[in-house]
């Protein structure tokens, strides 16, 4: 279920459902292009810090994978996300809350 093979809104809805089933609170903070928007995932660790993940292309393997875009104080992560939205108005932003940093992005169907 890679974002490039599915419409972005369908991928986002499926991801939110997986998070819901895992009891991980999540919501959309910015809706991007329904068909071709990239997806950014922010994980708030509930201690004042956060991580933002984006899908990247690994030049060595040719695979697409989720990578940490930025991490640190939540305010700084939010500012980085605002900048990314400025570069890409079609960007989807999903925010979730997990003290353990669980995003499910490493699970089958989400990781590649």
PDB file of N, CA and C in Angstrom:
ATOM      1  N   UNK A   1       0.833  -1.183   0.000  1.00  0.00           N
ATOM      2  CA  UNK A   1       0.000   0.000   0.000  1.00  0.00           C
ATOM      3  C   UNK A   1       0.880   1.250   0.000  1.00  0.00           C
ATOM      4  N   UNK A   2       1.710   1.424  -0.933  1.00  0.00           N
ATOM      5  CA  UNK A   2       2.606   2.571  -1.012  1.00  0.00           C
ATOM      6  C   UNK A   2       1.842   3.800  -1.485  1.00  0.00           C
ATOM      7  N   UNK A   3       2.271   4.981  -0.989  1.00  0.00           N
ATOM      8  CA  UNK A   3       1.551   6.203  -1.341  1.00  0.00           C
ATOM      9  C   UNK A   3       1.617   6.497  -2.824  1.00  0.00           C
ATOM     10  N   UNK A   4       2.690   6.070  -3.535  1.00  0.00           N
ATOM     11  CA  UNK A   4       2.765   6.378  -4.948  1.00  0.00           C
ATOM     12  C   UNK A   4       1.844   5.496  -5.787  1.00  0.00           C
ATOM     13  N   UNK A   5       1.363   4.367  -5.247  1.00  0.00           N
ATOM     14  CA  UNK A   5       0.494   3.496  -6.027  1.00  0.00           C
ATOM     15  C   UNK A   5      -0.982   3.682  -5.670  1.00  0.00           C
ATOM     16  N   UNK A   6      -1.274   4.372  -4.612  1.00  0.00           N
ATOM     17  CA  UNK A   6      -2.649   4.655  -4.212  1.00  0.00           C
ATOM     18  C   UNK A   6      -2.867   6.159  -4.179  1.00  0.00           C
ATOM     19  N   UNK A   7      -4.108   6.553  -4.342  1.00  0.00           N
ATOM     20  CA  UNK A   7      -4.428   7.964  -4.152  1.00  0.00           C
ATOM     21  C   UNK A   7      -4.084   8.328  -2.708  1.00  0.00           C
ATOM     22  N   UNK A   8      -3.531   9.515  -2.521  1.00  0.00           N
ATOM     23  CA  UNK A   8      -3.075   9.933  -1.192  1.00  0.00           C
ATOM     24  C   UNK A   8      -4.190   9.866  -0.160  1.00  0.00           C
ATOM     25  N   UNK A   9      -5.394  10.320  -0.510  1.00  0.00           N
ATOM     26  CA  UNK A   9      -6.474  10.319   0.483  1.00  0.00           C
ATOM     27  C   UNK A   9      -6.846   8.901   0.904  1.00  0.00           C
ATOM     28  N   UNK A  10      -6.782   7.946   0.000  1.00  0.00           N
ATOM     29  CA  UNK A  10      -7.073   6.556   0.345  1.00  0.00           C
ATOM     30  C   UNK A  10      -6.000   6.005   1.279  1.00  0.00           C
ATOM     31  N   UNK A  11      -4.733   6.279   0.979  1.00  0.00           N
ATOM     32  CA  UNK A  11      -3.639   5.827   1.841  1.00  0.00           C
ATOM     33  C   UNK A  11      -3.786   6.422   3.236  1.00  0.00           C
ATOM     34  N   UNK A  12      -4.092   7.722   3.304  1.00  0.00           N
ATOM     35  CA  UNK A  12      -4.248   8.396   4.601  1.00  0.00           C
ATOM     36  C   UNK A  12      -5.384   7.769   5.392  1.00  0.00           C
ATOM     37  N   UNK A  13      -6.522   7.529   4.764  1.00  0.00           N
ATOM     38  CA  UNK A  13      -7.651   6.911   5.481  1.00  0.00           C
ATOM     39  C   UNK A  13      -7.297   5.523   6.005  1.00  0.00           C
ATOM     40  N   UNK A  14      -6.592   4.730   5.199  1.00  0.00           N
ATOM     41  CA  UNK A  14      -6.187   3.389   5.631  1.00  0.00           C
ATOM     42  C   UNK A  14      -5.194   3.480   6.804  1.00  0.00           C
ATOM     43  N   UNK A  15      -4.262   4.414   6.719  1.00  0.00           N
ATOM     44  CA  UNK A  15      -3.277   4.587   7.797  1.00  0.00           C
ATOM     45  C   UNK A  15      -3.968   5.014   9.091  1.00  0.00           C
ATOM     46  N   UNK A  16      -4.891   5.971   8.999  1.00  0.00           N
ATOM     47  CA  UNK A  16      -5.608   6.411  10.194  1.00  0.00           C
ATOM     48  C   UNK A  16      -6.407   5.264  10.818  1.00  0.00           C
ATOM     49  N   UNK A  17      -6.963   4.398   9.996  1.00  0.00           N
ATOM     50  CA  UNK A  17      -7.705   3.245  10.510  1.00  0.00           C
ATOM     51  C   UNK A  17      -6.769   2.302  11.257  1.00  0.00           C
ATOM     52  N   UNK A  18      -5.581   2.046  10.695  1.00  0.00           N
ATOM     53  CA  UNK A  18      -4.600   1.196  11.385  1.00  0.00           C
ATOM     54  C   UNK A  18      -4.214   1.793  12.729  1.00  0.00           C
ATOM     55  N   UNK A  19      -3.996   3.097  12.753  1.00  0.00           N
ATOM     56  CA  UNK A  19      -3.655   3.762  14.011  1.00  0.00           C
ATOM     57  C   UNK A  19      -4.795   3.634  15.012  1.00  0.00           C
ATOM     58  N   UNK A  20      -6.019   3.824  14.545  1.00  0.00           N
ATOM     59  CA  UNK A  20      -7.186   3.698  15.418  1.00  0.00           C
ATOM     60  C   UNK A  20      -7.257   2.292  16.022  1.00  0.00           C
ATOM     61  N   UNK A  21      -7.057   1.281  15.205  1.00  0.00           N
ATOM     62  CA  UNK A  21      -7.114  -0.106  15.687  1.00  0.00           C
ATOM     63  C   UNK A  21      -5.996  -0.409  16.687  1.00  0.00           C
ATOM     64  N   UNK A  22      -4.881   0.312  16.591  1.00  0.00           N
ATOM     65  CA  UNK A  22      -3.765   0.146  17.525  1.00  0.00           C
ATOM     66  C   UNK A  22      -3.884   1.089  18.726  1.00  0.00           C
ATOM     67  N   UNK A  23      -5.006   1.814  18.814  1.00  0.00           N
ATOM     68  CA  UNK A  23      -5.270   2.750  19.921  1.00  0.00           C
ATOM     69  C   UNK A  23      -4.214   3.856  19.998  1.00  0.00           C
ATOM     70  N   UNK A  24      -3.820   4.356  18.828  1.00  0.00           N
ATOM     71  CA  UNK A  24      -2.882   5.472  18.745  1.00  0.00           C
ATOM     72  C   UNK A  24      -3.669   6.673  18.219  1.00  0.00           C
ATOM     73  N   UNK A  25      -3.884   7.684  19.061  1.00  0.00           N
ATOM     74  CA  UNK A  25      -4.637   8.863  18.616  1.00  0.00           C
ATOM     75  C   UNK A  25      -3.940   9.557  17.447  1.00  0.00           C
ATOM     76  N   UNK A  26      -4.712   9.880  16.419  1.00  0.00           N
ATOM     77  CA  UNK A  26      -4.151  10.536  15.235  1.00  0.00           C
ATOM     78  C   UNK A  26      -5.218  11.364  14.542  1.00  0.00           C
ATOM     79  N   UNK A  27      -4.762  12.382  13.839  1.00  0.00           N
ATOM     80  CA  UNK A  27      -5.674  13.233  13.088  1.00  0.00           C
ATOM     81  C   UNK A  27      -4.918  13.922  11.968  1.00  0.00           C
ATOM     82  N   UNK A  28      -5.660  14.414  11.011  1.00  0.00           N
ATOM     83  CA  UNK A  28      -5.092  15.141   9.873  1.00  0.00           C
ATOM     84  C   UNK A  28      -5.005  16.614  10.267  1.00  0.00           C
ATOM     85  N   UNK A  29      -3.806  17.188  10.187  1.00  0.00           N
ATOM     86  CA  UNK A  29      -3.664  18.616  10.485  1.00  0.00           C
ATOM     87  C   UNK A  29      -3.618  19.457   9.215  1.00  0.00           C
ATOM     88  N   UNK A  30      -3.343  18.798   8.082  1.00  0.00           N
ATOM     89  CA  UNK A  30      -3.392  19.503   6.797  1.00  0.00           C
ATOM     90  C   UNK A  30      -3.737  18.511   5.699  1.00  0.00           C
ATOM     91  N   UNK A  31      -4.768  18.842   4.941  1.00  0.00           N
ATOM     92  CA  UNK A  31      -5.172  18.001   3.807  1.00  0.00           C
ATOM     93  C   UNK A  31      -4.469  18.485   2.554  1.00  0.00           C
ATOM     94  N   UNK A  32      -3.818  17.546   1.888  1.00  0.00           N
ATOM     95  CA  UNK A  32      -3.124  17.872   0.653  1.00  0.00           C
ATOM     96  C   UNK A  32      -3.937  17.457  -0.550  1.00  0.00           C
ATOM     97  N   UNK A  33      -3.266  17.315  -1.668  1.00  0.00           N
ATOM     98  CA  UNK A  33      -3.912  16.885  -2.899  1.00  0.00           C
ATOM     99  C   UNK A  33      -4.431  15.467  -2.725  1.00  0.00           C
ATOM    100  N   UNK A  34      -5.698  15.249  -3.021  1.00  0.00           N
ATOM    101  CA  UNK A  34      -6.334  13.952  -2.791  1.00  0.00           C
ATOM    102  C   UNK A  34      -5.712  12.835  -3.607  1.00  0.00           C
ATOM    103  N   UNK A  35      -5.155  13.167  -4.752  1.00  0.00           N
ATOM    104  CA  UNK A  35      -4.640  12.122  -5.628  1.00  0.00           C
ATOM    105  C   UNK A  35      -3.122  11.971  -5.570  1.00  0.00           C
ATOM    106  N   UNK A  36      -2.408  13.078  -5.489  1.00  0.00           N
ATOM    107  CA  UNK A  36      -0.960  12.991  -5.650  1.00  0.00           C
ATOM    108  C   UNK A  36      -0.165  13.663  -4.534  1.00  0.00           C
ATOM    109  N   UNK A  37      -0.807  14.052  -3.457  1.00  0.00           N
ATOM    110  CA  UNK A  37      -0.081  14.731  -2.390  1.00  0.00           C
ATOM    111  C   UNK A  37       0.863  13.801  -1.643  1.00  0.00           C
ATOM    112  N   UNK A  38       2.033  14.315  -1.261  1.00  0.00           N
ATOM    113  CA  UNK A  38       2.956  13.575  -0.410  1.00  0.00           C
ATOM    114  C   UNK A  38       2.389  13.578   1.016  1.00  0.00           C
ATOM    115  N   UNK A  39       2.884  12.656   1.840  1.00  0.00           N
ATOM    116  CA  UNK A  39       2.399  12.529   3.213  1.00  0.00           C
ATOM    117  C   UNK A  39       3.567  12.703   4.171  1.00  0.00           C
ATOM    118  N   UNK A  40       3.348  13.517   5.203  1.00  0.00           N
ATOM    119  CA  UNK A  40       4.303  13.715   6.269  1.00  0.00           C
ATOM    120  C   UNK A  40       3.613  13.274   7.559  1.00  0.00           C
ATOM    121  N   UNK A  41       4.314  12.533   8.415  1.00  0.00           N
ATOM    122  CA  UNK A  41       3.737  12.035   9.658  1.00  0.00           C
ATOM    123  C   UNK A  41       4.505  12.636  10.826  1.00  0.00           C
ATOM    124  N   UNK A  42       3.781  13.299  11.729  1.00  0.00           N
ATOM    125  CA  UNK A  42       4.381  13.854  12.941  1.00  0.00           C
ATOM    126  C   UNK A  42       3.956  12.982  14.113  1.00  0.00           C
ATOM    127  N   UNK A  43       4.938  12.577  14.929  1.00  0.00           N
ATOM    128  CA  UNK A  43       4.656  11.809  16.132  1.00  0.00           C
ATOM    129  C   UNK A  43       5.025  12.667  17.335  1.00  0.00           C
ATOM    130  N   UNK A  44       4.019  13.115  18.085  1.00  0.00           N
ATOM    131  CA  UNK A  44       4.238  13.863  19.321  1.00  0.00           C
ATOM    132  C   UNK A  44       4.459  12.852  20.439  1.00  0.00           C
ATOM    133  N   UNK A  45       5.595  12.968  21.125  1.00  0.00           N
ATOM    134  CA  UNK A  45       5.959  12.004  22.161  1.00  0.00           C
ATOM    135  C   UNK A  45       5.383  12.366  23.530  1.00  0.00           C
ATOM    136  N   UNK A  46       4.619  13.451  23.586  1.00  0.00           N
ATOM    137  CA  UNK A  46       3.903  13.881  24.792  1.00  0.00           C
ATOM    138  C   UNK A  46       4.832  14.261  25.937  1.00  0.00           C
ATOM    139  N   UNK A  47       6.073  14.618  25.607  1.00  0.00           N
ATOM    140  CA  UNK A  47       7.015  15.110  26.606  1.00  0.00           C
ATOM    141  C   UNK A  47       7.619  16.437  26.149  1.00  0.00           C
ATOM    142  N   UNK A  48       6.957  17.065  25.181  1.00  0.00           N
ATOM    143  CA  UNK A  48       7.452  18.323  24.628  1.00  0.00           C
ATOM    144  C   UNK A  48       8.320  18.141  23.395  1.00  0.00           C
ATOM    145  N   UNK A  49       8.545  16.871  22.998  1.00  0.00           N
ATOM    146  CA  UNK A  49       9.336  16.605  21.809  1.00  0.00           C
ATOM    147  C   UNK A  49       8.491  15.885  20.768  1.00  0.00           C
ATOM    148  N   UNK A  50       9.010  15.850  19.554  1.00  0.00           N
ATOM    149  CA  UNK A  50       8.279  15.200  18.457  1.00  0.00           C
ATOM    150  C   UNK A  50       9.266  14.790  17.377  1.00  0.00           C
ATOM    151  N   UNK A  51       8.777  13.953  16.456  1.00  0.00           N
ATOM    152  CA  UNK A  51       9.517  13.551  15.256  1.00  0.00           C
ATOM    153  C   UNK A  51       8.597  13.716  14.068  1.00  0.00           C
ATOM    154  N   UNK A  52       9.170  14.100  12.938  1.00  0.00           N
ATOM    155  CA  UNK A  52       8.414  14.154  11.691  1.00  0.00           C
ATOM    156  C   UNK A  52       9.076  13.207  10.702  1.00  0.00           C
ATOM    157  N   UNK A  53       8.262  12.396  10.036  1.00  0.00           N
ATOM    158  CA  UNK A  53       8.737  11.404   9.078  1.00  0.00           C
ATOM    159  C   UNK A  53       8.258  11.769   7.678  1.00  0.00           C
ATOM    160  N   UNK A  54       9.113  11.492   6.695  1.00  0.00           N
ATOM    161  CA  UNK A  54       8.738  11.657   5.294  1.00  0.00           C
ATOM    162  C   UNK A  54       9.224  10.439   4.524  1.00  0.00           C
ATOM    163  N   UNK A  55       8.592  10.185   3.390  1.00  0.00           N
ATOM    164  CA  UNK A  55       9.019   9.068   2.551  1.00  0.00           C
ATOM    165  C   UNK A  55      10.184   9.535   1.702  1.00  0.00           C
ATOM    166  N   UNK A  56      11.234   8.731   1.681  1.00  0.00           N
ATOM    167  CA  UNK A  56      12.429   9.063   0.918  1.00  0.00           C
ATOM    168  C   UNK A  56      12.801   7.910   0.008  1.00  0.00           C
ATOM    169  N   UNK A  57      13.545   8.231  -1.017  1.00  0.00           N
ATOM    170  CA  UNK A  57      14.020   7.242  -1.975  1.00  0.00           C
ATOM    171  C   UNK A  57      15.453   6.884  -1.623  1.00  0.00           C
ATOM    172  N   UNK A  58      15.736   5.600  -1.381  1.00  0.00           N
ATOM    173  CA  UNK A  58      17.074   5.122  -1.077  1.00  0.00           C
ATOM    174  C   UNK A  58      17.801   4.850  -2.393  1.00  0.00           C
ATOM    175  N   UNK A  59      18.801   5.663  -2.699  1.00  0.00           N
ATOM    176  CA  UNK A  59      19.523   5.535  -3.963  1.00  0.00           C
ATOM    177  C   UNK A  59      20.287   4.215  -4.068  1.00  0.00           C
ATOM    178  N   UNK A  60      20.689   3.649  -2.941  1.00  0.00           N
ATOM    179  CA  UNK A  60      21.454   2.398  -2.953  1.00  0.00           C
ATOM    180  C   UNK A  60      20.582   1.196  -3.307  1.00  0.00           C
ATOM    181  N   UNK A  61      19.375   1.155  -2.760  1.00  0.00           N
ATOM    182  CA  UNK A  61      18.516  -0.019  -2.965  1.00  0.00           C
ATOM    183  C   UNK A  61      17.376   0.236  -3.939  1.00  0.00           C
ATOM    184  N   UNK A  62      17.069   1.500  -4.196  1.00  0.00           N
ATOM    185  CA  UNK A  62      15.937   1.822  -5.053  1.00  0.00           C
ATOM    186  C   UNK A  62      14.614   1.776  -4.325  1.00  0.00           C
ATOM    187  N   UNK A  63      14.644   1.466  -3.032  1.00  0.00           N
ATOM    188  CA  UNK A  63      13.409   1.360  -2.244  1.00  0.00           C
ATOM    189  C   UNK A  63      12.995   2.720  -1.699  1.00  0.00           C
ATOM    190  N   UNK A  64      11.707   2.833  -1.470  1.00  0.00           N
ATOM    191  CA  UNK A  64      11.188   4.013  -0.775  1.00  0.00           C
ATOM    192  C   UNK A  64      10.979   3.610   0.672  1.00  0.00           C
ATOM    193  N   UNK A  65      11.362   4.494   1.595  1.00  0.00           N
ATOM    194  CA  UNK A  65      11.215   4.180   3.004  1.00  0.00           C
ATOM    195  C   UNK A  65      10.920   5.436   3.803  1.00  0.00           C
ATOM    196  N   UNK A  66      10.372   5.258   4.980  1.00  0.00           N
ATOM    197  CA  UNK A  66      10.086   6.366   5.872  1.00  0.00           C
ATOM    198  C   UNK A  66      11.358   6.734   6.619  1.00  0.00           C
ATOM    199  N   UNK A  67      11.690   8.024   6.589  1.00  0.00           N
ATOM    200  CA  UNK A  67      12.891   8.538   7.245  1.00  0.00           C
ATOM    201  C   UNK A  67      12.498   9.702   8.146  1.00  0.00           C
ATOM    202  N   UNK A  68      13.285   9.912   9.207  1.00  0.00           N
ATOM    203  CA  UNK A  68      13.048  11.052  10.084  1.00  0.00           C
ATOM    204  C   UNK A  68      13.474  12.319   9.339  1.00  0.00           C
ATOM    205  N   UNK A  69      12.537  13.223   9.171  1.00  0.00           N
ATOM    206  CA  UNK A  69      12.814  14.520   8.549  1.00  0.00           C
ATOM    207  C   UNK A  69      13.442  15.452   9.583  1.00  0.00           C
ATOM    208  N   UNK A  70      12.849  15.465  10.782  1.00  0.00           N
ATOM    209  CA  UNK A  70      13.344  16.306  11.864  1.00  0.00           C
ATOM    210  C   UNK A  70      12.835  15.750  13.179  1.00  0.00           C
ATOM    211  N   UNK A  71      13.553  16.042  14.255  1.00  0.00           N
ATOM    212  CA  UNK A  71      13.106  15.661  15.585  1.00  0.00           C
ATOM    213  C   UNK A  71      13.683  16.635  16.591  1.00  0.00           C
ATOM    214  N   UNK A  72      13.028  16.734  17.727  1.00  0.00           N
ATOM    215  CA  UNK A  72      13.488  17.648  18.768  1.00  0.00           C
ATOM    216  C   UNK A  72      12.294  18.268  19.463  1.00  0.00           C
ATOM    217  N   UNK A  73      12.487  19.488  19.997  1.00  0.00           N
ATOM    218  CA  UNK A  73      11.374  20.169  20.647  1.00  0.00           C
ATOM    219  C   UNK A  73      10.182  20.293  19.685  1.00  0.00           C
ATOM    220  N   UNK A  74       9.002  20.033  20.200  1.00  0.00           N
ATOM    221  CA  UNK A  74       7.816  19.998  19.340  1.00  0.00           C
ATOM    222  C   UNK A  74       7.625  21.302  18.574  1.00  0.00           C
ATOM    223  N   UNK A  75       7.905  22.432  19.194  1.00  0.00           N
ATOM    224  CA  UNK A  75       7.767  23.727  18.511  1.00  0.00           C
ATOM    225  C   UNK A  75       8.639  23.794  17.267  1.00  0.00           C
ATOM    226  N   UNK A  76       9.869  23.279  17.380  1.00  0.00           N
ATOM    227  CA  UNK A  76      10.784  23.300  16.232  1.00  0.00           C
ATOM    228  C   UNK A  76      10.328  22.332  15.140  1.00  0.00           C
ATOM    229  N   UNK A  77       9.805  21.188  15.537  1.00  0.00           N
ATOM    230  CA  UNK A  77       9.280  20.231  14.561  1.00  0.00           C
ATOM    231  C   UNK A  77       8.093  20.850  13.830  1.00  0.00           C
ATOM    232  N   UNK A  78       7.205  21.519  14.580  1.00  0.00           N
ATOM    233  CA  UNK A  78       6.056  22.182  13.956  1.00  0.00           C
ATOM    234  C   UNK A  78       6.508  23.249  12.962  1.00  0.00           C
ATOM    235  N   UNK A  79       7.561  23.989  13.296  1.00  0.00           N
ATOM    236  CA  UNK A  79       8.066  25.025  12.390  1.00  0.00           C
ATOM    237  C   UNK A  79       8.624  24.388  11.115  1.00  0.00           C
ATOM    238  N   UNK A  80       9.315  23.282  11.254  1.00  0.00           N
ATOM    239  CA  UNK A  80       9.840  22.570  10.084  1.00  0.00           C
ATOM    240  C   UNK A  80       8.698  22.092   9.187  1.00  0.00           C
ATOM    241  N   UNK A  81       7.631  21.606   9.797  1.00  0.00           N
ATOM    242  CA  UNK A  81       6.461  21.158   9.026  1.00  0.00           C
ATOM    243  C   UNK A  81       5.827  22.343   8.303  1.00  0.00           C
ATOM    244  N   UNK A  82       5.734  23.483   8.976  1.00  0.00           N
ATOM    245  CA  UNK A  82       5.185  24.683   8.321  1.00  0.00           C
ATOM    246  C   UNK A  82       6.014  25.056   7.088  1.00  0.00           C
ATOM    247  N   UNK A  83       7.332  24.952   7.211  1.00  0.00           N
ATOM    248  CA  UNK A  83       8.208  25.251   6.067  1.00  0.00           C
ATOM    249  C   UNK A  83       7.961  24.264   4.929  1.00  0.00           C
ATOM    250  N   UNK A  84       7.851  22.978   5.259  1.00  0.00           N
ATOM    251  CA  UNK A  84       7.587  21.970   4.237  1.00  0.00           C
ATOM    252  C   UNK A  84       6.274  22.255   3.513  1.00  0.00           C
ATOM    253  N   UNK A  85       5.256  22.660   4.264  1.00  0.00           N
ATOM    254  CA  UNK A  85       3.968  23.008   3.647  1.00  0.00           C
ATOM    255  C   UNK A  85       4.114  24.206   2.723  1.00  0.00           C
ATOM    256  N   UNK A  86       5.011  25.127   3.061  1.00  0.00           N
ATOM    257  CA  UNK A  86       5.264  26.276   2.196  1.00  0.00           C
ATOM    258  C   UNK A  86       5.881  25.863   0.868  1.00  0.00           C
ATOM    259  N   UNK A  87       6.738  24.821   0.900  1.00  0.00           N
ATOM    260  CA  UNK A  87       7.358  24.301  -0.321  1.00  0.00           C
ATOM    261  C   UNK A  87       6.380  23.461  -1.118  1.00  0.00           C
ATOM    262  N   UNK A  88       5.478  22.772  -0.424  1.00  0.00           N
ATOM    263  CA  UNK A  88       4.589  21.804  -1.068  1.00  0.00           C
ATOM    264  C   UNK A  88       3.158  21.962  -0.540  1.00  0.00           C
ATOM    265  N   UNK A  89       2.347  22.798  -1.173  1.00  0.00           N
ATOM    266  CA  UNK A  89       0.982  23.015  -0.703  1.00  0.00           C
ATOM    267  C   UNK A  89       0.095  21.772  -0.839  1.00  0.00           C
ATOM    268  N   UNK A  90       0.531  20.765  -1.591  1.00  0.00           N
ATOM    269  CA  UNK A  90      -0.238  19.533  -1.752  1.00  0.00           C
ATOM    270  C   UNK A  90       0.051  18.515  -0.644  1.00  0.00           C
ATOM    271  N   UNK A  91       0.917  18.870   0.291  1.00  0.00           N
ATOM    272  CA  UNK A  91       1.366  17.978   1.349  1.00  0.00           C
ATOM    273  C   UNK A  91       0.259  17.659   2.355  1.00  0.00           C
ATOM    274  N   UNK A  92       0.113  16.369   2.667  1.00  0.00           N
ATOM    275  CA  UNK A  92      -0.750  15.932   3.756  1.00  0.00           C
ATOM    276  C   UNK A  92       0.090  15.876   5.022  1.00  0.00           C
ATOM    277  N   UNK A  93      -0.471  16.292   6.157  1.00  0.00           N
ATOM    278  CA  UNK A  93       0.221  16.176   7.438  1.00  0.00           C
ATOM    279  C   UNK A  93      -0.686  15.431   8.397  1.00  0.00           C
ATOM    280  N   UNK A  94      -0.181  14.318   8.912  1.00  0.00           N
ATOM    281  CA  UNK A  94      -0.895  13.523   9.902  1.00  0.00           C
ATOM    282  C   UNK A  94      -0.135  13.657  11.210  1.00  0.00           C
ATOM    283  N   UNK A  95      -0.845  13.956  12.285  1.00  0.00           N
ATOM    284  CA  UNK A  95      -0.212  14.033  13.594  1.00  0.00           C
ATOM    285  C   UNK A  95      -0.768  12.925  14.470  1.00  0.00           C
ATOM    286  N   UNK A  96       0.142  12.250  15.153  1.00  0.00           N
ATOM    287  CA  UNK A  96      -0.289  11.225  16.094  1.00  0.00           C
ATOM    288  C   UNK A  96       0.419  11.444  17.416  1.00  0.00           C
ATOM    289  N   UNK A  97      -0.115  10.808  18.465  1.00  0.00           N
ATOM    290  CA  UNK A  97       0.436  10.952  19.800  1.00  0.00           C
ATOM    291  C   UNK A  97       0.799   9.581  20.339  1.00  0.00           C
ATOM    292  N   UNK A  98       2.075   9.424  20.712  1.00  0.00           N
ATOM    293  CA  UNK A  98       2.537   8.150  21.243  1.00  0.00           C
ATOM    294  C   UNK A  98       3.774   8.378  22.104  1.00  0.00           C
ATOM    295  N   UNK A  99       3.658   8.161  23.394  1.00  0.00           N
ATOM    296  CA  UNK A  99       4.807   8.299  24.294  1.00  0.00           C
ATOM    297  C   UNK A  99       5.953   7.388  23.864  1.00  0.00           C
ATOM    298  N   UNK A 100       5.611   6.229  23.320  1.00  0.00           N
ATOM    299  CA  UNK A 100       6.618   5.250  22.909  1.00  0.00           C
ATOM    300  C   UNK A 100       7.170   5.537  21.506  1.00  0.00           C
ATOM    301  N   UNK A 101       6.591   6.479  20.811  1.00  0.00           N
ATOM    302  CA  UNK A 101       7.034   6.798  19.450  1.00  0.00           C
ATOM    303  C   UNK A 101       6.515   5.822  18.408  1.00  0.00           C
ATOM    304  N   UNK A 102       5.440   5.100  18.719  1.00  0.00           N
ATOM    305  CA  UNK A 102       4.864   4.134  17.771  1.00  0.00           C
ATOM    306  C   UNK A 102       4.160   4.880  16.640  1.00  0.00           C
ATOM    307  N   UNK A 103       4.552   4.562  15.416  1.00  0.00           N
ATOM    308  CA  UNK A 103       3.925   5.168  14.241  1.00  0.00           C
ATOM    309  C   UNK A 103       3.311   4.128  13.315  1.00  0.00           C
ATOM    310  N   UNK A 104       3.698   2.875  13.461  1.00  0.00           N
ATOM    311  CA  UNK A 104       3.294   1.761  12.604  1.00  0.00           C
ATOM    312  C   UNK A 104       3.872   1.858  11.190  1.00  0.00           C
ATOM    313  N   UNK A 105       4.711   2.844  10.927  1.00  0.00           N
ATOM    314  CA  UNK A 105       5.247   3.036   9.580  1.00  0.00           C
ATOM    315  C   UNK A 105       6.154   1.892   9.145  1.00  0.00           C
ATOM    316  N   UNK A 106       6.657   1.122  10.108  1.00  0.00           N
ATOM    317  CA  UNK A 106       7.530  -0.007   9.774  1.00  0.00           C
ATOM    318  C   UNK A 106       6.731  -1.271   9.442  1.00  0.00           C
ATOM    319  N   UNK A 107       5.410  -1.223   9.598  1.00  0.00           N
ATOM    320  CA  UNK A 107       4.581  -2.394   9.340  1.00  0.00           C
ATOM    321  C   UNK A 107       4.420  -2.674   7.844  1.00  0.00           C
ATOM    322  N   UNK A 108       4.175  -3.927   7.546  1.00  0.00           N
ATOM    323  CA  UNK A 108       3.953  -4.357   6.164  1.00  0.00           C
ATOM    324  C   UNK A 108       2.839  -3.524   5.541  1.00  0.00           C
ATOM    325  N   UNK A 109       3.048  -3.072   4.337  1.00  0.00           N
ATOM    326  CA  UNK A 109       2.061  -2.272   3.637  1.00  0.00           C
ATOM    327  C   UNK A 109       2.231  -0.786   3.863  1.00  0.00           C
ATOM    328  N   UNK A 110       2.964  -0.396   4.889  1.00  0.00           N
ATOM    329  CA  UNK A 110       3.216   1.017   5.154  1.00  0.00           C
ATOM    330  C   UNK A 110       4.669   1.376   4.963  1.00  0.00           C
ATOM    331  N   UNK A 111       5.556   0.391   5.116  1.00  0.00           N
ATOM    332  CA  UNK A 111       6.980   0.698   5.122  1.00  0.00           C
ATOM    333  C   UNK A 111       7.573   0.914   3.734  1.00  0.00           C
ATOM    334  N   UNK A 112       6.967   0.373   2.682  1.00  0.00           N
ATOM    335  CA  UNK A 112       7.562   0.584   1.357  1.00  0.00           C
ATOM    336  C   UNK A 112       6.610   1.192   0.388  1.00  0.00           C
TER     337      UNK A 112
END
